[in-house]
Structure formats: C-alpha cells, structure tokens
Amino acid sequence: YTTPIEINMTAEQNDGVNTTYTPVLASGPINDGKWVKFTNTYTIPENVLKIVLYFESPSETAEFFVDDISIKLVE
C-alpha cells in the first residue's frame, strides 16, 4: 500500500427481529506488511440470538489477513 489502511471489527447482532451493527474496535493506520494485534472486551447484549463478527476496511481495495482469533466467554 502506498498509504496506511485501517481495519475495523464490527459485530452484527440479531435478536430474532432486528439486526444491528455495532463497532467493536478500529485499528488506526496500519502500514503495508505490518502485523497488528487486536485486544478488546465486548459484551453481547442478553437479547441477542445470533452474532457475526466482521473484520473490514473502509478501503475497497485493501487486502489483509486475519490469523489466530481467540474468543473467550466470561461469565
């Protein structure tokens, strides 16, 4: 890349009736060829029946890899 890109993580949540999209985290600028570690805590609302996590970039031409994801349930 000639300019840094940003990677965002978004949660798609569905409660059986409505689907909402919640920003979970944003990377800030990432330079070409660099690895970035995301760490965050996210609480899923109690009424959510289905959740999908997306990693995406505002740039339509950005290419990136997501590796070694760990999701932990905390009660």
PDB file of N, CA and C in Angstrom:
ATOM      1  N   TYR A   1       0.833  -1.183   0.000  1.00  0.00           N
ATOM      2  CA  TYR A   1       0.000   0.000   0.000  1.00  0.00           C
ATOM      3  C   TYR A   1       0.873   1.239   0.000  1.00  0.00           C
ATOM      4  N   THR A   2       0.432   2.244  -0.673  1.00  0.00           N
ATOM      5  CA  THR A   2       1.180   3.499  -0.651  1.00  0.00           C
ATOM      6  C   THR A   2       0.798   4.349   0.546  1.00  0.00           C
ATOM      7  N   THR A   3      -0.391   4.119   1.077  1.00  0.00           N
ATOM      8  CA  THR A   3      -0.823   4.834   2.277  1.00  0.00           C
ATOM      9  C   THR A   3      -1.305   3.806   3.297  1.00  0.00           C
ATOM     10  N   PRO A   4      -1.233   4.115   4.569  1.00  0.00           N
ATOM     11  CA  PRO A   4      -1.727   3.171   5.586  1.00  0.00           C
ATOM     12  C   PRO A   4      -3.218   2.894   5.413  1.00  0.00           C
ATOM     13  N   ILE A   5      -3.639   1.695   5.830  1.00  0.00           N
ATOM     14  CA  ILE A   5      -5.059   1.345   5.810  1.00  0.00           C
ATOM     15  C   ILE A   5      -5.539   1.192   7.246  1.00  0.00           C
ATOM     16  N   GLU A   6      -6.852   1.124   7.426  1.00  0.00           N
ATOM     17  CA  GLU A   6      -7.447   0.897   8.738  1.00  0.00           C
ATOM     18  C   GLU A   6      -8.297  -0.362   8.655  1.00  0.00           C
ATOM     19  N   ILE A   7      -8.253  -1.172   9.704  1.00  0.00           N
ATOM     20  CA  ILE A   7      -9.075  -2.372   9.800  1.00  0.00           C
ATOM     21  C   ILE A   7     -10.030  -2.182  10.978  1.00  0.00           C
ATOM     22  N   ASN A   8     -11.300  -2.451  10.747  1.00  0.00           N
ATOM     23  CA  ASN A   8     -12.321  -2.333  11.791  1.00  0.00           C
ATOM     24  C   ASN A   8     -12.945  -3.690  12.072  1.00  0.00           C
ATOM     25  N   MET A   9     -13.355  -3.895  13.310  1.00  0.00           N
ATOM     26  CA  MET A   9     -14.115  -5.082  13.657  1.00  0.00           C
ATOM     27  C   MET A   9     -15.518  -4.617  14.056  1.00  0.00           C
ATOM     28  N   THR A  10     -16.518  -5.236  13.438  1.00  0.00           N
ATOM     29  CA  THR A  10     -17.915  -4.878  13.664  1.00  0.00           C
ATOM     30  C   THR A  10     -18.687  -6.125  14.063  1.00  0.00           C
ATOM     31  N   ALA A  11     -19.626  -5.989  14.990  1.00  0.00           N
ATOM     32  CA  ALA A  11     -20.484  -7.099  15.408  1.00  0.00           C
ATOM     33  C   ALA A  11     -21.867  -6.910  14.809  1.00  0.00           C
ATOM     34  N   GLU A  12     -22.306  -7.913  14.046  1.00  0.00           N
ATOM     35  CA  GLU A  12     -23.690  -7.941  13.564  1.00  0.00           C
ATOM     36  C   GLU A  12     -24.480  -8.732  14.590  1.00  0.00           C
ATOM     37  N   GLN A  13     -25.517  -8.127  15.135  1.00  0.00           N
ATOM     38  CA  GLN A  13     -26.306  -8.759  16.199  1.00  0.00           C
ATOM     39  C   GLN A  13     -27.753  -8.885  15.753  1.00  0.00           C
ATOM     40  N   ASN A  14     -28.356 -10.029  16.037  1.00  0.00           N
ATOM     41  CA  ASN A  14     -29.756 -10.235  15.691  1.00  0.00           C
ATOM     42  C   ASN A  14     -30.482 -10.778  16.909  1.00  0.00           C
ATOM     43  N   ASP A  15     -31.599 -10.144  17.255  1.00  0.00           N
ATOM     44  CA  ASP A  15     -32.386 -10.565  18.423  1.00  0.00           C
ATOM     45  C   ASP A  15     -33.618 -11.379  18.028  1.00  0.00           C
ATOM     46  N   GLY A  16     -33.639 -11.854  16.771  1.00  0.00           N
ATOM     47  CA  GLY A  16     -34.776 -12.605  16.274  1.00  0.00           C
ATOM     48  C   GLY A  16     -35.743 -11.745  15.481  1.00  0.00           C
ATOM     49  N   VAL A  17     -35.633 -10.416  15.640  1.00  0.00           N
ATOM     50  CA  VAL A  17     -36.489  -9.474  14.923  1.00  0.00           C
ATOM     51  C   VAL A  17     -35.640  -8.449  14.173  1.00  0.00           C
ATOM     52  N   ASN A  18     -34.741  -7.810  14.890  1.00  0.00           N
ATOM     53  CA  ASN A  18     -33.929  -6.727  14.331  1.00  0.00           C
ATOM     54  C   ASN A  18     -32.467  -7.123  14.227  1.00  0.00           C
ATOM     55  N   THR A  19     -31.801  -6.585  13.206  1.00  0.00           N
ATOM     56  CA  THR A  19     -30.357  -6.743  13.047  1.00  0.00           C
ATOM     57  C   THR A  19     -29.710  -5.388  13.236  1.00  0.00           C
ATOM     58  N   THR A  20     -28.686  -5.335  14.095  1.00  0.00           N
ATOM     59  CA  THR A  20     -27.946  -4.097  14.316  1.00  0.00           C
ATOM     60  C   THR A  20     -26.467  -4.370  14.104  1.00  0.00           C
ATOM     61  N   TYR A  21     -25.717  -3.313  13.849  1.00  0.00           N
ATOM     62  CA  TYR A  21     -24.273  -3.407  13.637  1.00  0.00           C
ATOM     63  C   TYR A  21     -23.592  -2.492  14.643  1.00  0.00           C
ATOM     64  N   THR A  22     -22.685  -3.062  15.433  1.00  0.00           N
ATOM     65  CA  THR A  22     -22.008  -2.317  16.484  1.00  0.00           C
ATOM     66  C   THR A  22     -20.509  -2.320  16.239  1.00  0.00           C
ATOM     67  N   PRO A  23     -19.873  -1.140  16.149  1.00  0.00           N
ATOM     68  CA  PRO A  23     -18.415  -1.105  16.038  1.00  0.00           C
ATOM     69  C   PRO A  23     -17.793  -1.666  17.317  1.00  0.00           C
ATOM     70  N   VAL A  24     -16.834  -2.567  17.166  1.00  0.00           N
ATOM     71  CA  VAL A  24     -16.182  -3.171  18.329  1.00  0.00           C
ATOM     72  C   VAL A  24     -14.800  -2.572  18.527  1.00  0.00           C
ATOM     73  N   LEU A  25     -14.027  -2.415  17.434  1.00  0.00           N
ATOM     74  CA  LEU A  25     -12.728  -1.774  17.543  1.00  0.00           C
ATOM     75  C   LEU A  25     -12.256  -1.297  16.187  1.00  0.00           C
ATOM     76  N   ALA A  26     -11.308  -0.368  16.199  1.00  0.00           N
ATOM     77  CA  ALA A  26     -10.687   0.157  14.984  1.00  0.00           C
ATOM     78  C   ALA A  26      -9.179   0.157  15.197  1.00  0.00           C
ATOM     79  N   SER A  27      -8.441  -0.189  14.171  1.00  0.00           N
ATOM     80  CA  SER A  27      -7.002  -0.351  14.298  1.00  0.00           C
ATOM     81  C   SER A  27      -6.235   0.952  14.311  1.00  0.00           C
ATOM     82  N   GLY A  28      -6.745   1.964  13.664  1.00  0.00           N
ATOM     83  CA  GLY A  28      -5.918   3.128  13.378  1.00  0.00           C
ATOM     84  C   GLY A  28      -5.086   2.792  12.159  1.00  0.00           C
ATOM     85  N   PRO A  29      -4.240   3.704  11.690  1.00  0.00           N
ATOM     86  CA  PRO A  29      -3.477   3.468  10.467  1.00  0.00           C
ATOM     87  C   PRO A  29      -2.491   2.298  10.604  1.00  0.00           C
ATOM     88  N   ILE A  30      -2.489   1.415   9.596  1.00  0.00           N
ATOM     89  CA  ILE A  30      -1.562   0.275   9.547  1.00  0.00           C
ATOM     90  C   ILE A  30      -0.754   0.391   8.261  1.00  0.00           C
ATOM     91  N   ASN A  31       0.567   0.331   8.383  1.00  0.00           N
ATOM     92  CA  ASN A  31       1.434   0.381   7.209  1.00  0.00           C
ATOM     93  C   ASN A  31       1.527  -0.976   6.545  1.00  0.00           C
ATOM     94  N   ASP A  32       1.828  -0.989   5.273  1.00  0.00           N
ATOM     95  CA  ASP A  32       1.941  -2.201   4.479  1.00  0.00           C
ATOM     96  C   ASP A  32       2.921  -3.186   5.114  1.00  0.00           C
ATOM     97  N   GLY A  33       2.521  -4.449   5.187  1.00  0.00           N
ATOM     98  CA  GLY A  33       3.397  -5.508   5.667  1.00  0.00           C
ATOM     99  C   GLY A  33       3.507  -5.623   7.172  1.00  0.00           C
ATOM    100  N   LYS A  34       2.739  -4.876   7.920  1.00  0.00           N
ATOM    101  CA  LYS A  34       2.815  -4.903   9.385  1.00  0.00           C
ATOM    102  C   LYS A  34       1.706  -5.760   9.973  1.00  0.00           C
ATOM    103  N   TRP A  35       2.036  -6.498  11.032  1.00  0.00           N
ATOM    104  CA  TRP A  35       1.046  -7.267  11.781  1.00  0.00           C
ATOM    105  C   TRP A  35       0.547  -6.410  12.931  1.00  0.00           C
ATOM    106  N   VAL A  36      -0.726  -6.516  13.237  1.00  0.00           N
ATOM    107  CA  VAL A  36      -1.335  -5.737  14.314  1.00  0.00           C
ATOM    108  C   VAL A  36      -2.082  -6.695  15.227  1.00  0.00           C
ATOM    109  N   LYS A  37      -1.921  -6.510  16.528  1.00  0.00           N
ATOM    110  CA  LYS A  37      -2.650  -7.328  17.498  1.00  0.00           C
ATOM    111  C   LYS A  37      -3.846  -6.531  18.007  1.00  0.00           C
ATOM    112  N   PHE A  38      -5.056  -7.101  17.844  1.00  0.00           N
ATOM    113  CA  PHE A  38      -6.271  -6.502  18.374  1.00  0.00           C
ATOM    114  C   PHE A  38      -6.554  -7.125  19.727  1.00  0.00           C
ATOM    115  N   THR A  39      -6.856  -6.317  20.703  1.00  0.00           N
ATOM    116  CA  THR A  39      -7.291  -6.798  22.005  1.00  0.00           C
ATOM    117  C   THR A  39      -8.437  -5.910  22.456  1.00  0.00           C
ATOM    118  N   ASN A  40      -9.538  -6.539  22.840  1.00  0.00           N
ATOM    119  CA  ASN A  40     -10.684  -5.750  23.257  1.00  0.00           C
ATOM    120  C   ASN A  40     -11.640  -6.625  24.057  1.00  0.00           C
ATOM    121  N   THR A  41     -12.488  -5.995  24.823  1.00  0.00           N
ATOM    122  CA  THR A  41     -13.561  -6.682  25.531  1.00  0.00           C
ATOM    123  C   THR A  41     -14.872  -6.162  24.970  1.00  0.00           C
ATOM    124  N   TYR A  42     -15.765  -7.081  24.662  1.00  0.00           N
ATOM    125  CA  TYR A  42     -17.051  -6.710  24.083  1.00  0.00           C
ATOM    126  C   TYR A  42     -18.138  -7.509  24.788  1.00  0.00           C
ATOM    127  N   THR A  43     -19.181  -6.840  25.236  1.00  0.00           N
ATOM    128  CA  THR A  43     -20.283  -7.503  25.917  1.00  0.00           C
ATOM    129  C   THR A  43     -21.454  -7.644  24.955  1.00  0.00           C
ATOM    130  N   ILE A  44     -21.886  -8.873  24.749  1.00  0.00           N
ATOM    131  CA  ILE A  44     -23.018  -9.142  23.871  1.00  0.00           C
ATOM    132  C   ILE A  44     -24.303  -8.914  24.665  1.00  0.00           C
ATOM    133  N   PRO A  45     -25.217  -8.105  24.134  1.00  0.00           N
ATOM    134  CA  PRO A  45     -26.486  -7.886  24.845  1.00  0.00           C
ATOM    135  C   PRO A  45     -27.226  -9.207  25.088  1.00  0.00           C
ATOM    136  N   GLU A  46     -27.933  -9.301  26.202  1.00  0.00           N
ATOM    137  CA  GLU A  46     -28.616 -10.537  26.596  1.00  0.00           C
ATOM    138  C   GLU A  46     -29.663 -11.004  25.599  1.00  0.00           C
ATOM    139  N   ASN A  47     -30.298 -10.071  24.866  1.00  0.00           N
ATOM    140  CA  ASN A  47     -31.365 -10.451  23.952  1.00  0.00           C
ATOM    141  C   ASN A  47     -30.872 -10.922  22.579  1.00  0.00           C
ATOM    142  N   VAL A  48     -29.575 -10.925  22.348  1.00  0.00           N
ATOM    143  CA  VAL A  48     -29.021 -11.322  21.047  1.00  0.00           C
ATOM    144  C   VAL A  48     -29.054 -12.840  20.898  1.00  0.00           C
ATOM    145  N   LEU A  49     -29.620 -13.296  19.777  1.00  0.00           N
ATOM    146  CA  LEU A  49     -29.704 -14.726  19.475  1.00  0.00           C
ATOM    147  C   LEU A  49     -28.618 -15.174  18.514  1.00  0.00           C
ATOM    148  N   LYS A  50     -28.129 -14.242  17.692  1.00  0.00           N
ATOM    149  CA  LYS A  50     -27.108 -14.559  16.697  1.00  0.00           C
ATOM    150  C   LYS A  50     -26.135 -13.393  16.588  1.00  0.00           C
ATOM    151  N   ILE A  51     -24.840 -13.709  16.519  1.00  0.00           N
ATOM    152  CA  ILE A  51     -23.827 -12.660  16.357  1.00  0.00           C
ATOM    153  C   ILE A  51     -22.819 -13.109  15.305  1.00  0.00           C
ATOM    154  N   VAL A  52     -22.414 -12.161  14.464  1.00  0.00           N
ATOM    155  CA  VAL A  52     -21.392 -12.397  13.444  1.00  0.00           C
ATOM    156  C   VAL A  52     -20.375 -11.273  13.588  1.00  0.00           C
ATOM    157  N   LEU A  53     -19.078 -11.632  13.619  1.00  0.00           N
ATOM    158  CA  LEU A  53     -18.025 -10.629  13.708  1.00  0.00           C
ATOM    159  C   LEU A  53     -17.405 -10.426  12.334  1.00  0.00           C
ATOM    160  N   TYR A  54     -17.211  -9.176  11.950  1.00  0.00           N
ATOM    161  CA  TYR A  54     -16.622  -8.818  10.662  1.00  0.00           C
ATOM    162  C   TYR A  54     -15.329  -8.053  10.887  1.00  0.00           C
ATOM    163  N   PHE A  55     -14.306  -8.387  10.124  1.00  0.00           N
ATOM    164  CA  PHE A  55     -13.106  -7.566  10.012  1.00  0.00           C
ATOM    165  C   PHE A  55     -13.175  -6.948   8.631  1.00  0.00           C
ATOM    166  N   GLU A  56     -13.102  -5.628   8.564  1.00  0.00           N
ATOM    167  CA  GLU A  56     -13.264  -4.957   7.277  1.00  0.00           C
ATOM    168  C   GLU A  56     -12.460  -3.661   7.245  1.00  0.00           C
ATOM    169  N   SER A  57     -12.270  -3.166   6.037  1.00  0.00           N
ATOM    170  CA  SER A  57     -11.547  -1.918   5.837  1.00  0.00           C
ATOM    171  C   SER A  57     -12.426  -0.947   5.059  1.00  0.00           C
ATOM    172  N   PRO A  58     -12.342   0.350   5.363  1.00  0.00           N
ATOM    173  CA  PRO A  58     -13.078   1.328   4.563  1.00  0.00           C
ATOM    174  C   PRO A  58     -12.589   1.361   3.109  1.00  0.00           C
ATOM    175  N   SER A  59     -11.369   0.883   2.873  1.00  0.00           N
ATOM    176  CA  SER A  59     -10.813   0.857   1.519  1.00  0.00           C
ATOM    177  C   SER A  59     -11.353  -0.349   0.758  1.00  0.00           C
ATOM    178  N   GLU A  60     -11.915  -0.106  -0.420  1.00  0.00           N
ATOM    179  CA  GLU A  60     -12.471  -1.200  -1.221  1.00  0.00           C
ATOM    180  C   GLU A  60     -11.401  -2.101  -1.822  1.00  0.00           C
ATOM    181  N   THR A  61     -10.152  -1.638  -1.873  1.00  0.00           N
ATOM    182  CA  THR A  61      -9.096  -2.419  -2.499  1.00  0.00           C
ATOM    183  C   THR A  61      -8.096  -2.998  -1.494  1.00  0.00           C
ATOM    184  N   ALA A  62      -8.316  -2.793  -0.215  1.00  0.00           N
ATOM    185  CA  ALA A  62      -7.389  -3.289   0.799  1.00  0.00           C
ATOM    186  C   ALA A  62      -7.414  -4.815   0.869  1.00  0.00           C
ATOM    187  N   GLU A  63      -6.245  -5.407   1.015  1.00  0.00           N
ATOM    188  CA  GLU A  63      -6.124  -6.843   1.225  1.00  0.00           C
ATOM    189  C   GLU A  63      -5.432  -7.052   2.559  1.00  0.00           C
ATOM    190  N   PHE A  64      -5.973  -7.958   3.384  1.00  0.00           N
ATOM    191  CA  PHE A  64      -5.364  -8.230   4.678  1.00  0.00           C
ATOM    192  C   PHE A  64      -5.730  -9.637   5.126  1.00  0.00           C
ATOM    193  N   PHE A  65      -4.968 -10.150   6.073  1.00  0.00           N
ATOM    194  CA  PHE A  65      -5.187 -11.480   6.631  1.00  0.00           C
ATOM    195  C   PHE A  65      -5.580 -11.350   8.099  1.00  0.00           C
ATOM    196  N   VAL A  66      -6.458 -12.232   8.550  1.00  0.00           N
ATOM    197  CA  VAL A  66      -6.809 -12.337   9.962  1.00  0.00           C
ATOM    198  C   VAL A  66      -6.355 -13.719  10.394  1.00  0.00           C
ATOM    199  N   ASP A  67      -5.585 -13.786  11.476  1.00  0.00           N
ATOM    200  CA  ASP A  67      -4.978 -15.040  11.892  1.00  0.00           C
ATOM    201  C   ASP A  67      -5.095 -15.198  13.410  1.00  0.00           C
ATOM    202  N   ASP A  68      -5.266 -16.419  13.859  1.00  0.00           N
ATOM    203  CA  ASP A  68      -5.267 -16.751  15.289  1.00  0.00           C
ATOM    204  C   ASP A  68      -6.260 -15.919  16.099  1.00  0.00           C
ATOM    205  N   ILE A  69      -7.534 -16.179  15.917  1.00  0.00           N
ATOM    206  CA  ILE A  69      -8.567 -15.488  16.673  1.00  0.00           C
ATOM    207  C   ILE A  69      -8.899 -16.300  17.922  1.00  0.00           C
ATOM    208  N   SER A  70      -9.009 -15.618  19.045  1.00  0.00           N
ATOM    209  CA  SER A  70      -9.383 -16.258  20.297  1.00  0.00           C
ATOM    210  C   SER A  70     -10.556 -15.486  20.887  1.00  0.00           C
ATOM    211  N   ILE A  71     -11.670 -16.191  21.095  1.00  0.00           N
ATOM    212  CA  ILE A  71     -12.856 -15.585  21.702  1.00  0.00           C
ATOM    213  C   ILE A  71     -13.126 -16.330  23.006  1.00  0.00           C
ATOM    214  N   LYS A  72     -13.216 -15.591  24.101  1.00  0.00           N
ATOM    215  CA  LYS A  72     -13.400 -16.205  25.409  1.00  0.00           C
ATOM    216  C   LYS A  72     -14.725 -15.751  26.012  1.00  0.00           C
ATOM    217  N   LEU A  73     -15.462 -16.699  26.546  1.00  0.00           N
ATOM    218  CA  LEU A  73     -16.706 -16.396  27.239  1.00  0.00           C
ATOM    219  C   LEU A  73     -16.392 -16.127  28.690  1.00  0.00           C
ATOM    220  N   VAL A  74     -16.808 -14.979  29.165  1.00  0.00           N
ATOM    221  CA  VAL A  74     -16.594 -14.600  30.568  1.00  0.00           C
ATOM    222  C   VAL A  74     -17.969 -14.480  31.204  1.00  0.00           C
ATOM    223  N   GLU A  75     -18.177 -15.193  32.279  1.00  0.00           N
ATOM    224  CA  GLU A  75     -19.470 -15.142  32.958  1.00  0.00           C
ATOM    225  C   GLU A  75     -19.375 -14.395  34.257  1.00  0.00           C
TER     226      GLU A  75
END
